Amino acid sequence: MNRYERMKMQRRMQRRIRLVVEERRMALALPPPAVEAALDPETTVEIPRPAADPL
């Protein structure tokens, strides 16, 4: 096997590995939760003040 054939084979293997990794990544990806999709990052949220702590 000459150098060109080895390089060609390596490229083919790398491509196959990349495809498998991408397939697994897509298969394991969780859909985004619906609650966070409804939140608007630009809205102002009021944080309630805690009760006065006695020191």
C-alpha atoms as a PDB file:
ATOM      1  CA  MET A   1       0.000   0.000   0.000  1.00  0.00           C
ATOM      2  CA  ASN A   2       1.541   3.261  -1.036  1.00  0.00           C
ATOM      3  CA  ARG A   3       1.460   6.614   0.716  1.00  0.00           C
ATOM      4  CA  TYR A   4      -1.432   7.988  -1.354  1.00  0.00           C
ATOM      5  CA  GLU A   5      -3.645   4.987  -0.558  1.00  0.00           C
ATOM      6  CA  ARG A   6      -2.850   5.247   3.156  1.00  0.00           C
ATOM      7  CA  MET A   7      -3.744   8.949   3.210  1.00  0.00           C
ATOM      8  CA  LYS A   8      -6.932   8.246   1.304  1.00  0.00           C
ATOM      9  CA  MET A   9      -7.876   5.506   3.755  1.00  0.00           C
ATOM     10  CA  GLN A  10      -7.153   7.740   6.754  1.00  0.00           C
ATOM     11  CA  ARG A  11      -9.345  10.502   5.330  1.00  0.00           C
ATOM     12  CA  ARG A  12     -12.160   8.038   4.728  1.00  0.00           C
ATOM     13  CA  MET A  13     -11.886   6.722   8.299  1.00  0.00           C
ATOM     14  CA  GLN A  14     -11.858  10.256   9.732  1.00  0.00           C
ATOM     15  CA  ARG A  15     -14.969  11.125   7.731  1.00  0.00           C
ATOM     16  CA  ARG A  16     -16.771   8.015   8.995  1.00  0.00           C
ATOM     17  CA  ILE A  17     -15.757   8.731  12.593  1.00  0.00           C
ATOM     18  CA  ARG A  18     -16.942  12.330  12.271  1.00  0.00           C
ATOM     19  CA  LEU A  19     -20.302  11.183  10.902  1.00  0.00           C
ATOM     20  CA  VAL A  20     -20.778   8.658  13.718  1.00  0.00           C
ATOM     21  CA  VAL A  21     -19.861  11.242  16.367  1.00  0.00           C
ATOM     22  CA  GLU A  22     -22.292  13.740  14.864  1.00  0.00           C
ATOM     23  CA  GLU A  23     -25.073  11.121  14.702  1.00  0.00           C
ATOM     24  CA  ARG A  24     -24.548  10.217  18.354  1.00  0.00           C
ATOM     25  CA  ARG A  25     -24.456  13.861  19.374  1.00  0.00           C
ATOM     26  CA  MET A  26     -27.778  14.477  17.621  1.00  0.00           C
ATOM     27  CA  ALA A  27     -29.313  11.298  19.068  1.00  0.00           C
ATOM     28  CA  LEU A  28     -28.338  12.209  22.639  1.00  0.00           C
ATOM     29  CA  ALA A  29     -29.253  15.898  22.406  1.00  0.00           C
ATOM     30  CA  LEU A  30     -32.125  16.839  24.684  1.00  0.00           C
ATOM     31  CA  PRO A  31     -34.836  19.123  23.345  1.00  0.00           C
ATOM     32  CA  PRO A  32     -34.864  22.529  25.045  1.00  0.00           C
ATOM     33  CA  PRO A  33     -37.349  22.750  27.914  1.00  0.00           C
ATOM     34  CA  ALA A  34     -40.562  24.561  26.995  1.00  0.00           C
ATOM     35  CA  VAL A  35     -40.489  26.699  30.158  1.00  0.00           C
ATOM     36  CA  GLU A  36     -37.255  28.425  29.234  1.00  0.00           C
ATOM     37  CA  ALA A  37     -38.454  29.056  25.692  1.00  0.00           C
ATOM     38  CA  ALA A  38     -41.371  31.088  27.116  1.00  0.00           C
ATOM     39  CA  LEU A  39     -39.061  33.340  29.161  1.00  0.00           C
ATOM     40  CA  ASP A  40     -38.046  36.588  27.533  1.00  0.00           C
ATOM     41  CA  PRO A  41     -34.502  37.571  28.530  1.00  0.00           C
ATOM     42  CA  GLU A  42     -35.377  41.262  28.155  1.00  0.00           C
ATOM     43  CA  THR A  43     -38.163  41.260  30.776  1.00  0.00           C
ATOM     44  CA  THR A  44     -37.547  42.735  34.211  1.00  0.00           C
ATOM     45  CA  VAL A  45     -38.017  40.351  37.109  1.00  0.00           C
ATOM     46  CA  GLU A  46     -38.670  41.719  40.567  1.00  0.00           C
ATOM     47  CA  ILE A  47     -36.823  39.930  43.344  1.00  0.00           C
ATOM     48  CA  PRO A  48     -38.731  40.047  46.654  1.00  0.00           C
ATOM     49  CA  ARG A  49     -36.748  41.428  49.596  1.00  0.00           C
ATOM     50  CA  PRO A  50     -36.172  38.952  52.402  1.00  0.00           C
ATOM     51  CA  ALA A  51     -37.632  39.683  55.829  1.00  0.00           C
ATOM     52  CA  ALA A  52     -35.357  41.746  58.070  1.00  0.00           C
ATOM     53  CA  ASP A  53     -32.813  39.470  59.718  1.00  0.00           C
ATOM     54  CA  PRO A  54     -32.228  40.230  63.408  1.00  0.00           C
ATOM     55  CA  LEU A  55     -28.523  40.678  64.036  1.00  0.00           C
END
